[in-house]
């Protein structure tokens, strides 16, 4: 029962991973965009 109760927190992992991936992609995209603007 205790293991089952604790494993219930794993439902939070997929949205956390997707949000983190979205944040990282936006950071990388912003860095590339800022670099292009500086070059131009």
ModelCIF file with pLDDT and N, C-alpha, C, O atoms, coordinates in Angstrom:
data_MODEL
#
_entry.id   MODEL 
#
_entity.id                         1 
_entity.type                       polymer 
_entity.pdbx_number_of_molecules   1 
#
_entity_poly.entity_id                      1 
_entity_poly.type                           'polypeptide(L)' 
_entity_poly.nstd_linkage                   no 
_entity_poly.nstd_monomer                   no 
_entity_poly.pdbx_seq_one_letter_code       
;(UNK)(UNK)(UNK)(UNK)(UNK)(UNK)(UNK)(UNK)(UNK)(UNK)(UNK)(UNK)(UNK)(UNK)(UNK)(UNK)
(UNK)(UNK)(UNK)(UNK)(UNK)(UNK)(UNK)(UNK)(UNK)(UNK)(UNK)(UNK)(UNK)(UNK)(UNK)(UNK)
(UNK)(UNK)(UNK)(UNK)(UNK)(UNK)(UNK)(UNK)
;
_entity_poly.pdbx_seq_one_letter_code_can   XXXXXXXXXXXXXXXXXXXXXXXXXXXXXXXXXXXXXXXX 
_entity_poly.pdbx_strand_id                 A 
#
loop_
_entity_poly_seq.entity_id 
_entity_poly_seq.num 
_entity_poly_seq.mon_id 
_entity_poly_seq.hetero 
1 1  UNK n 
1 2  UNK n 
1 3  UNK n 
1 4  UNK n 
1 5  UNK n 
1 6  UNK n 
1 7  UNK n 
1 8  UNK n 
1 9  UNK n 
1 10 UNK n 
1 11 UNK n 
1 12 UNK n 
1 13 UNK n 
1 14 UNK n 
1 15 UNK n 
1 16 UNK n 
1 17 UNK n 
1 18 UNK n 
1 19 UNK n 
1 20 UNK n 
1 21 UNK n 
1 22 UNK n 
1 23 UNK n 
1 24 UNK n 
1 25 UNK n 
1 26 UNK n 
1 27 UNK n 
1 28 UNK n 
1 29 UNK n 
1 30 UNK n 
1 31 UNK n 
1 32 UNK n 
1 33 UNK n 
1 34 UNK n 
1 35 UNK n 
1 36 UNK n 
1 37 UNK n 
1 38 UNK n 
1 39 UNK n 
1 40 UNK n 
#
_struct_asym.id          A 
_struct_asym.entity_id   1 
#
loop_
_ma_qa_metric.id 
_ma_qa_metric.mode 
_ma_qa_metric.name 
_ma_qa_metric.software_group_id 
_ma_qa_metric.type 
1 global pLDDT . pLDDT 
2 local  pLDDT . pLDDT 
#
_ma_qa_metric_global.metric_id      1 
_ma_qa_metric_global.metric_value   76.83 
_ma_qa_metric_global.model_id       1 
_ma_qa_metric_global.ordinal_id     1 
#
loop_
_ma_qa_metric_local.label_asym_id 
_ma_qa_metric_local.label_comp_id 
_ma_qa_metric_local.label_seq_id 
_ma_qa_metric_local.metric_id 
_ma_qa_metric_local.metric_value 
_ma_qa_metric_local.model_id 
_ma_qa_metric_local.ordinal_id 
A UNK 1  2 64.00 1 1  
A UNK 2  2 64.00 1 2  
A UNK 3  2 66.00 1 3  
A UNK 4  2 67.00 1 4  
A UNK 5  2 65.00 1 5  
A UNK 6  2 67.00 1 6  
A UNK 7  2 70.00 1 7  
A UNK 8  2 70.00 1 8  
A UNK 9  2 71.00 1 9  
A UNK 10 2 76.00 1 10 
A UNK 11 2 79.00 1 11 
A UNK 12 2 78.00 1 12 
A UNK 13 2 83.00 1 13 
A UNK 14 2 87.00 1 14 
A UNK 15 2 87.00 1 15 
A UNK 16 2 83.00 1 16 
A UNK 17 2 87.00 1 17 
A UNK 18 2 88.00 1 18 
A UNK 19 2 83.00 1 19 
A UNK 20 2 84.00 1 20 
A UNK 21 2 87.00 1 21 
A UNK 22 2 84.00 1 22 
A UNK 23 2 81.00 1 23 
A UNK 24 2 84.00 1 24 
A UNK 25 2 85.00 1 25 
A UNK 26 2 80.00 1 26 
A UNK 27 2 81.00 1 27 
A UNK 28 2 82.00 1 28 
A UNK 29 2 82.00 1 29 
A UNK 30 2 76.00 1 30 
A UNK 31 2 77.00 1 31 
A UNK 32 2 79.00 1 32 
A UNK 33 2 72.00 1 33 
A UNK 34 2 74.00 1 34 
A UNK 35 2 75.00 1 35 
A UNK 36 2 75.00 1 36 
A UNK 37 2 70.00 1 37 
A UNK 38 2 69.00 1 38 
A UNK 39 2 71.00 1 39 
A UNK 40 2 70.00 1 40 
#
loop_
_atom_site.group_PDB 
_atom_site.id 
_atom_site.type_symbol 
_atom_site.label_atom_id 
_atom_site.label_alt_id 
_atom_site.label_comp_id 
_atom_site.label_asym_id 
_atom_site.label_entity_id 
_atom_site.label_seq_id 
_atom_site.pdbx_PDB_ins_code 
_atom_site.Cartn_x 
_atom_site.Cartn_y 
_atom_site.Cartn_z 
_atom_site.occupancy 
_atom_site.B_iso_or_equiv 
_atom_site.pdbx_formal_charge 
_atom_site.auth_seq_id 
_atom_site.auth_comp_id 
_atom_site.auth_asym_id 
_atom_site.auth_atom_id 
_atom_site.pdbx_PDB_model_num 
ATOM 1   N N  . UNK A 1 1  ? 0.831  -1.206 0.000   1.00 64.00 ? 1  UNK A N  1 
ATOM 2   C CA . UNK A 1 1  ? 0.000  0.000  0.000   1.00 64.00 ? 1  UNK A CA 1 
ATOM 3   C C  . UNK A 1 1  ? 0.866  1.258  0.000   1.00 64.00 ? 1  UNK A C  1 
ATOM 4   O O  . UNK A 1 1  ? 0.573  2.211  -0.721  1.00 64.00 ? 1  UNK A O  1 
ATOM 5   N N  . UNK A 1 2  ? 1.922  1.266  0.797   1.00 64.00 ? 2  UNK A N  1 
ATOM 6   C CA . UNK A 1 2  ? 2.808  2.427  0.869   1.00 64.00 ? 2  UNK A CA 1 
ATOM 7   C C  . UNK A 1 2  ? 3.517  2.655  -0.462  1.00 64.00 ? 2  UNK A C  1 
ATOM 8   O O  . UNK A 1 2  ? 3.660  3.794  -0.907  1.00 64.00 ? 2  UNK A O  1 
ATOM 9   N N  . UNK A 1 3  ? 3.963  1.560  -1.101  1.00 66.00 ? 3  UNK A N  1 
ATOM 10  C CA . UNK A 1 3  ? 4.610  1.709  -2.411  1.00 66.00 ? 3  UNK A CA 1 
ATOM 11  C C  . UNK A 1 3  ? 3.616  2.246  -3.437  1.00 66.00 ? 3  UNK A C  1 
ATOM 12  O O  . UNK A 1 3  ? 3.956  3.115  -4.240  1.00 66.00 ? 3  UNK A O  1 
ATOM 13  N N  . UNK A 1 4  ? 2.403  1.733  -3.410  1.00 67.00 ? 4  UNK A N  1 
ATOM 14  C CA . UNK A 1 4  ? 1.365  2.182  -4.341  1.00 67.00 ? 4  UNK A CA 1 
ATOM 15  C C  . UNK A 1 4  ? 1.043  3.652  -4.114  1.00 67.00 ? 4  UNK A C  1 
ATOM 16  O O  . UNK A 1 4  ? 0.816  4.402  -5.063  1.00 67.00 ? 4  UNK A O  1 
ATOM 17  N N  . UNK A 1 5  ? 1.024  4.056  -2.850  1.00 65.00 ? 5  UNK A N  1 
ATOM 18  C CA . UNK A 1 5  ? 0.720  5.448  -2.505  1.00 65.00 ? 5  UNK A CA 1 
ATOM 19  C C  . UNK A 1 5  ? 1.828  6.386  -2.995  1.00 65.00 ? 5  UNK A C  1 
ATOM 20  O O  . UNK A 1 5  ? 1.545  7.458  -3.531  1.00 65.00 ? 5  UNK A O  1 
ATOM 21  N N  . UNK A 1 6  ? 3.070  5.987  -2.813  1.00 67.00 ? 6  UNK A N  1 
ATOM 22  C CA . UNK A 1 6  ? 4.193  6.820  -3.235  1.00 67.00 ? 6  UNK A CA 1 
ATOM 23  C C  . UNK A 1 6  ? 4.302  6.867  -4.756  1.00 67.00 ? 6  UNK A C  1 
ATOM 24  O O  . UNK A 1 6  ? 4.609  7.915  -5.325  1.00 67.00 ? 6  UNK A O  1 
ATOM 25  N N  . UNK A 1 7  ? 4.052  5.733  -5.418  1.00 70.00 ? 7  UNK A N  1 
ATOM 26  C CA . UNK A 1 7  ? 4.137  5.690  -6.879  1.00 70.00 ? 7  UNK A CA 1 
ATOM 27  C C  . UNK A 1 7  ? 3.082  6.580  -7.542  1.00 70.00 ? 7  UNK A C  1 
ATOM 28  O O  . UNK A 1 7  ? 3.200  6.921  -8.719  1.00 70.00 ? 7  UNK A O  1 
ATOM 29  N N  . UNK A 1 8  ? 2.055  6.952  -6.780  1.00 70.00 ? 8  UNK A N  1 
ATOM 30  C CA . UNK A 1 8  ? 1.050  7.861  -7.321  1.00 70.00 ? 8  UNK A CA 1 
ATOM 31  C C  . UNK A 1 8  ? 1.622  9.217  -7.699  1.00 70.00 ? 8  UNK A C  1 
ATOM 32  O O  . UNK A 1 8  ? 1.045  9.930  -8.521  1.00 70.00 ? 8  UNK A O  1 
ATOM 33  N N  . UNK A 1 9  ? 2.754  9.576  -7.104  1.00 71.00 ? 9  UNK A N  1 
ATOM 34  C CA . UNK A 1 9  ? 3.390  10.853 -7.448  1.00 71.00 ? 9  UNK A CA 1 
ATOM 35  C C  . UNK A 1 9  ? 4.007  10.836 -8.841  1.00 71.00 ? 9  UNK A C  1 
ATOM 36  O O  . UNK A 1 9  ? 4.317  11.896 -9.385  1.00 71.00 ? 9  UNK A O  1 
ATOM 37  N N  . UNK A 1 10 ? 4.193  9.643  -9.435  1.00 76.00 ? 10 UNK A N  1 
ATOM 38  C CA . UNK A 1 10 ? 4.790  9.550  -10.769 1.00 76.00 ? 10 UNK A CA 1 
ATOM 39  C C  . UNK A 1 10 ? 3.865  10.096 -11.852 1.00 76.00 ? 10 UNK A C  1 
ATOM 40  O O  . UNK A 1 10 ? 4.304  10.342 -12.975 1.00 76.00 ? 10 UNK A O  1 
ATOM 41  N N  . UNK A 1 11 ? 2.577  10.289 -11.521 1.00 79.00 ? 11 UNK A N  1 
ATOM 42  C CA . UNK A 1 11 ? 1.670  10.921 -12.486 1.00 79.00 ? 11 UNK A CA 1 
ATOM 43  C C  . UNK A 1 11 ? 2.122  12.337 -12.821 1.00 79.00 ? 11 UNK A C  1 
ATOM 44  O O  . UNK A 1 11 ? 1.739  12.883 -13.856 1.00 79.00 ? 11 UNK A O  1 
ATOM 45  N N  . UNK A 1 12 ? 2.941  12.940 -11.946 1.00 78.00 ? 12 UNK A N  1 
ATOM 46  C CA . UNK A 1 12 ? 3.392  14.313 -12.176 1.00 78.00 ? 12 UNK A CA 1 
ATOM 47  C C  . UNK A 1 12 ? 4.603  14.384 -13.109 1.00 78.00 ? 12 UNK A C  1 
ATOM 48  O O  . UNK A 1 12 ? 4.933  15.465 -13.597 1.00 78.00 ? 12 UNK A O  1 
ATOM 49  N N  . UNK A 1 13 ? 5.261  13.272 -13.362 1.00 83.00 ? 13 UNK A N  1 
ATOM 50  C CA . UNK A 1 13 ? 6.520  13.295 -14.116 1.00 83.00 ? 13 UNK A CA 1 
ATOM 51  C C  . UNK A 1 13 ? 6.326  13.709 -15.586 1.00 83.00 ? 13 UNK A C  1 
ATOM 52  O O  . UNK A 1 13 ? 7.053  14.586 -16.050 1.00 83.00 ? 13 UNK A O  1 
ATOM 53  N N  . UNK A 1 14 ? 5.369  13.114 -16.349 1.00 87.00 ? 14 UNK A N  1 
ATOM 54  C CA . UNK A 1 14 ? 5.227  13.499 -17.765 1.00 87.00 ? 14 UNK A CA 1 
ATOM 55  C C  . UNK A 1 14 ? 4.989  14.994 -17.997 1.00 87.00 ? 14 UNK A C  1 
ATOM 56  O O  . UNK A 1 14 ? 5.668  15.578 -18.840 1.00 87.00 ? 14 UNK A O  1 
ATOM 57  N N  . UNK A 1 15 ? 4.047  15.647 -17.281 1.00 87.00 ? 15 UNK A N  1 
ATOM 58  C CA . UNK A 1 15 ? 3.890  17.090 -17.522 1.00 87.00 ? 15 UNK A CA 1 
ATOM 59  C C  . UNK A 1 15 ? 5.124  17.887 -17.139 1.00 87.00 ? 15 UNK A C  1 
ATOM 60  O O  . UNK A 1 15 ? 5.426  18.896 -17.777 1.00 87.00 ? 15 UNK A O  1 
ATOM 61  N N  . UNK A 1 16 ? 5.851  17.452 -16.101 1.00 83.00 ? 16 UNK A N  1 
ATOM 62  C CA . UNK A 1 16 ? 7.064  18.150 -15.718 1.00 83.00 ? 16 UNK A CA 1 
ATOM 63  C C  . UNK A 1 16 ? 8.120  18.051 -16.818 1.00 83.00 ? 16 UNK A C  1 
ATOM 64  O O  . UNK A 1 16 ? 8.792  19.037 -17.117 1.00 83.00 ? 16 UNK A O  1 
ATOM 65  N N  . UNK A 1 17 ? 8.272  16.877 -17.420 1.00 87.00 ? 17 UNK A N  1 
ATOM 66  C CA . UNK A 1 17 ? 9.252  16.675 -18.488 1.00 87.00 ? 17 UNK A CA 1 
ATOM 67  C C  . UNK A 1 17 ? 8.887  17.504 -19.716 1.00 87.00 ? 17 UNK A C  1 
ATOM 68  O O  . UNK A 1 17 ? 9.755  18.134 -20.320 1.00 87.00 ? 17 UNK A O  1 
ATOM 69  N N  . UNK A 1 18 ? 7.600  17.507 -20.089 1.00 88.00 ? 18 UNK A N  1 
ATOM 70  C CA . UNK A 1 18 ? 7.163  18.278 -21.254 1.00 88.00 ? 18 UNK A CA 1 
ATOM 71  C C  . UNK A 1 18 ? 7.352  19.781 -21.031 1.00 88.00 ? 18 UNK A C  1 
ATOM 72  O O  . UNK A 1 18 ? 7.781  20.491 -21.939 1.00 88.00 ? 18 UNK A O  1 
ATOM 73  N N  . UNK A 1 19 ? 7.035  20.263 -19.837 1.00 83.00 ? 19 UNK A N  1 
ATOM 74  C CA . UNK A 1 19 ? 7.217  21.690 -19.538 1.00 83.00 ? 19 UNK A CA 1 
ATOM 75  C C  . UNK A 1 19 ? 8.690  22.069 -19.562 1.00 83.00 ? 19 UNK A C  1 
ATOM 76  O O  . UNK A 1 19 ? 9.063  23.121 -20.081 1.00 83.00 ? 19 UNK A O  1 
ATOM 77  N N  . UNK A 1 20 ? 9.519  21.206 -19.000 1.00 84.00 ? 20 UNK A N  1 
ATOM 78  C CA . UNK A 1 20 ? 10.954 21.470 -18.999 1.00 84.00 ? 20 UNK A CA 1 
ATOM 79  C C  . UNK A 1 20 ? 11.503 21.485 -20.422 1.00 84.00 ? 20 UNK A C  1 
ATOM 80  O O  . UNK A 1 20 ? 12.334 22.329 -20.759 1.00 84.00 ? 20 UNK A O  1 
ATOM 81  N N  . UNK A 1 21 ? 11.038 20.547 -21.265 1.00 87.00 ? 21 UNK A N  1 
ATOM 82  C CA . UNK A 1 21 ? 11.480 20.514 -22.663 1.00 87.00 ? 21 UNK A CA 1 
ATOM 83  C C  . UNK A 1 21 ? 11.045 21.774 -23.407 1.00 87.00 ? 21 UNK A C  1 
ATOM 84  O O  . UNK A 1 21 ? 11.814 22.324 -24.196 1.00 87.00 ? 21 UNK A O  1 
ATOM 85  N N  . UNK A 1 22 ? 9.818  22.233 -23.162 1.00 84.00 ? 22 UNK A N  1 
ATOM 86  C CA . UNK A 1 22 ? 9.323  23.458 -23.808 1.00 84.00 ? 22 UNK A CA 1 
ATOM 87  C C  . UNK A 1 22 ? 10.154 24.662 -23.391 1.00 84.00 ? 22 UNK A C  1 
ATOM 88  O O  . UNK A 1 22 ? 10.477 25.517 -24.216 1.00 84.00 ? 22 UNK A O  1 
ATOM 89  N N  . UNK A 1 23 ? 10.498 24.730 -22.114 1.00 81.00 ? 23 UNK A N  1 
ATOM 90  C CA . UNK A 1 23 ? 11.300 25.845 -21.608 1.00 81.00 ? 23 UNK A CA 1 
ATOM 91  C C  . UNK A 1 23 ? 12.688 25.836 -22.238 1.00 81.00 ? 23 UNK A C  1 
ATOM 92  O O  . UNK A 1 23 ? 13.193 26.883 -22.644 1.00 81.00 ? 23 UNK A O  1 
ATOM 93  N N  . UNK A 1 24 ? 13.302 24.669 -22.323 1.00 84.00 ? 24 UNK A N  1 
ATOM 94  C CA . UNK A 1 24 ? 14.649 24.565 -22.904 1.00 84.00 ? 24 UNK A CA 1 
ATOM 95  C C  . UNK A 1 24 ? 14.624 24.946 -24.382 1.00 84.00 ? 24 UNK A C  1 
ATOM 96  O O  . UNK A 1 24 ? 15.514 25.653 -24.854 1.00 84.00 ? 24 UNK A O  1 
ATOM 97  N N  . UNK A 1 25 ? 13.611 24.485 -25.116 1.00 85.00 ? 25 UNK A N  1 
ATOM 98  C CA . UNK A 1 25 ? 13.513 24.822 -26.534 1.00 85.00 ? 25 UNK A CA 1 
ATOM 99  C C  . UNK A 1 25 ? 13.313 26.317 -26.742 1.00 85.00 ? 25 UNK A C  1 
ATOM 100 O O  . UNK A 1 25 ? 13.889 26.899 -27.661 1.00 85.00 ? 25 UNK A O  1 
ATOM 101 N N  . UNK A 1 26 ? 12.503 26.940 -25.895 1.00 80.00 ? 26 UNK A N  1 
ATOM 102 C CA . UNK A 1 26 ? 12.308 28.396 -26.011 1.00 80.00 ? 26 UNK A CA 1 
ATOM 103 C C  . UNK A 1 26 ? 13.596 29.157 -25.702 1.00 80.00 ? 26 UNK A C  1 
ATOM 104 O O  . UNK A 1 26 ? 13.895 30.154 -26.358 1.00 80.00 ? 26 UNK A O  1 
ATOM 105 N N  . UNK A 1 27 ? 14.352 28.701 -24.719 1.00 81.00 ? 27 UNK A N  1 
ATOM 106 C CA . UNK A 1 27 ? 15.632 29.339 -24.391 1.00 81.00 ? 27 UNK A CA 1 
ATOM 107 C C  . UNK A 1 27 ? 16.590 29.234 -25.571 1.00 81.00 ? 27 UNK A C  1 
ATOM 108 O O  . UNK A 1 27 ? 17.231 30.216 -25.945 1.00 81.00 ? 27 UNK A O  1 
ATOM 109 N N  . UNK A 1 28 ? 16.687 28.028 -26.163 1.00 82.00 ? 28 UNK A N  1 
ATOM 110 C CA . UNK A 1 28 ? 17.583 27.834 -27.306 1.00 82.00 ? 28 UNK A CA 1 
ATOM 111 C C  . UNK A 1 28 ? 17.137 28.669 -28.502 1.00 82.00 ? 28 UNK A C  1 
ATOM 112 O O  . UNK A 1 28 ? 17.960 29.257 -29.205 1.00 82.00 ? 28 UNK A O  1 
ATOM 113 N N  . UNK A 1 29 ? 15.817 28.714 -28.724 1.00 82.00 ? 29 UNK A N  1 
ATOM 114 C CA . UNK A 1 29 ? 15.300 29.507 -29.838 1.00 82.00 ? 29 UNK A CA 1 
ATOM 115 C C  . UNK A 1 29 ? 15.560 30.997 -29.632 1.00 82.00 ? 29 UNK A C  1 
ATOM 116 O O  . UNK A 1 29 ? 15.911 31.703 -30.577 1.00 82.00 ? 29 UNK A O  1 
ATOM 117 N N  . UNK A 1 30 ? 15.390 31.473 -28.409 1.00 76.00 ? 30 UNK A N  1 
ATOM 118 C CA . UNK A 1 30 ? 15.666 32.875 -28.104 1.00 76.00 ? 30 UNK A CA 1 
ATOM 119 C C  . UNK A 1 30 ? 17.140 33.191 -28.304 1.00 76.00 ? 30 UNK A C  1 
ATOM 120 O O  . UNK A 1 30 ? 17.483 34.244 -28.842 1.00 76.00 ? 30 UNK A O  1 
ATOM 121 N N  . UNK A 1 31 ? 18.020 32.278 -27.868 1.00 77.00 ? 31 UNK A N  1 
ATOM 122 C CA . UNK A 1 31 ? 19.456 32.489 -28.064 1.00 77.00 ? 31 UNK A CA 1 
ATOM 123 C C  . UNK A 1 31 ? 19.828 32.578 -29.530 1.00 77.00 ? 31 UNK A C  1 
ATOM 124 O O  . UNK A 1 31 ? 20.612 33.441 -29.924 1.00 77.00 ? 31 UNK A O  1 
ATOM 125 N N  . UNK A 1 32 ? 19.269 31.688 -30.342 1.00 79.00 ? 32 UNK A N  1 
ATOM 126 C CA . UNK A 1 32 ? 19.555 31.726 -31.779 1.00 79.00 ? 32 UNK A CA 1 
ATOM 127 C C  . UNK A 1 32 ? 18.998 32.991 -32.413 1.00 79.00 ? 32 UNK A C  1 
ATOM 128 O O  . UNK A 1 32 ? 19.654 33.611 -33.250 1.00 79.00 ? 32 UNK A O  1 
ATOM 129 N N  . UNK A 1 33 ? 17.788 33.376 -32.016 1.00 72.00 ? 33 UNK A N  1 
ATOM 130 C CA . UNK A 1 33 ? 17.173 34.572 -32.584 1.00 72.00 ? 33 UNK A CA 1 
ATOM 131 C C  . UNK A 1 33 ? 17.961 35.827 -32.208 1.00 72.00 ? 33 UNK A C  1 
ATOM 132 O O  . UNK A 1 33 ? 18.183 36.694 -33.054 1.00 72.00 ? 33 UNK A O  1 
ATOM 133 N N  . UNK A 1 34 ? 18.380 35.929 -30.961 1.00 74.00 ? 34 UNK A N  1 
ATOM 134 C CA . UNK A 1 34 ? 19.163 37.092 -30.518 1.00 74.00 ? 34 UNK A CA 1 
ATOM 135 C C  . UNK A 1 34 ? 20.495 37.159 -31.249 1.00 74.00 ? 34 UNK A C  1 
ATOM 136 O O  . UNK A 1 34 ? 20.941 38.246 -31.618 1.00 74.00 ? 34 UNK A O  1 
ATOM 137 N N  . UNK A 1 35 ? 21.143 36.009 -31.467 1.00 75.00 ? 35 UNK A N  1 
ATOM 138 C CA . UNK A 1 35 ? 22.412 35.979 -32.190 1.00 75.00 ? 35 UNK A CA 1 
ATOM 139 C C  . UNK A 1 35 ? 22.239 36.431 -33.637 1.00 75.00 ? 35 UNK A C  1 
ATOM 140 O O  . UNK A 1 35 ? 23.078 37.157 -34.171 1.00 75.00 ? 35 UNK A O  1 
ATOM 141 N N  . UNK A 1 36 ? 21.145 35.998 -34.267 1.00 75.00 ? 36 UNK A N  1 
ATOM 142 C CA . UNK A 1 36 ? 20.886 36.424 -35.645 1.00 75.00 ? 36 UNK A CA 1 
ATOM 143 C C  . UNK A 1 36 ? 20.626 37.924 -35.721 1.00 75.00 ? 36 UNK A C  1 
ATOM 144 O O  . UNK A 1 36 ? 21.075 38.591 -36.654 1.00 75.00 ? 36 UNK A O  1 
ATOM 145 N N  . UNK A 1 37 ? 19.899 38.453 -34.736 1.00 70.00 ? 37 UNK A N  1 
ATOM 146 C CA . UNK A 1 37 ? 19.624 39.887 -34.717 1.00 70.00 ? 37 UNK A CA 1 
ATOM 147 C C  . UNK A 1 37 ? 20.905 40.689 -34.542 1.00 70.00 ? 37 UNK A C  1 
ATOM 148 O O  . UNK A 1 37 ? 21.069 41.736 -35.168 1.00 70.00 ? 37 UNK A O  1 
ATOM 149 N N  . UNK A 1 38 ? 21.808 40.214 -33.706 1.00 69.00 ? 38 UNK A N  1 
ATOM 150 C CA . UNK A 1 38 ? 23.083 40.900 -33.500 1.00 69.00 ? 38 UNK A CA 1 
ATOM 151 C C  . UNK A 1 38 ? 23.949 40.862 -34.752 1.00 69.00 ? 38 UNK A C  1 
ATOM 152 O O  . UNK A 1 38 ? 24.629 41.838 -35.070 1.00 69.00 ? 38 UNK A O  1 
ATOM 153 N N  . UNK A 1 39 ? 23.926 39.738 -35.462 1.00 71.00 ? 39 UNK A N  1 
ATOM 154 C CA . UNK A 1 39 ? 24.710 39.619 -36.690 1.00 71.00 ? 39 UNK A CA 1 
ATOM 155 C C  . UNK A 1 39 ? 24.175 40.533 -37.776 1.00 71.00 ? 39 UNK A C  1 
ATOM 156 O O  . UNK A 1 39 ? 24.939 41.066 -38.581 1.00 71.00 ? 39 UNK A O  1 
ATOM 157 N N  . UNK A 1 40 ? 22.838 40.718 -37.796 1.00 70.00 ? 40 UNK A N  1 
ATOM 158 C CA . UNK A 1 40 ? 22.233 41.602 -38.793 1.00 70.00 ? 40 UNK A CA 1 
ATOM 159 C C  . UNK A 1 40 ? 22.308 43.069 -38.388 1.00 70.00 ? 40 UNK A C  1 
ATOM 160 O O  . UNK A 1 40 ? 21.841 43.937 -39.124 1.00 70.00 ? 40 UNK A O  1 
#
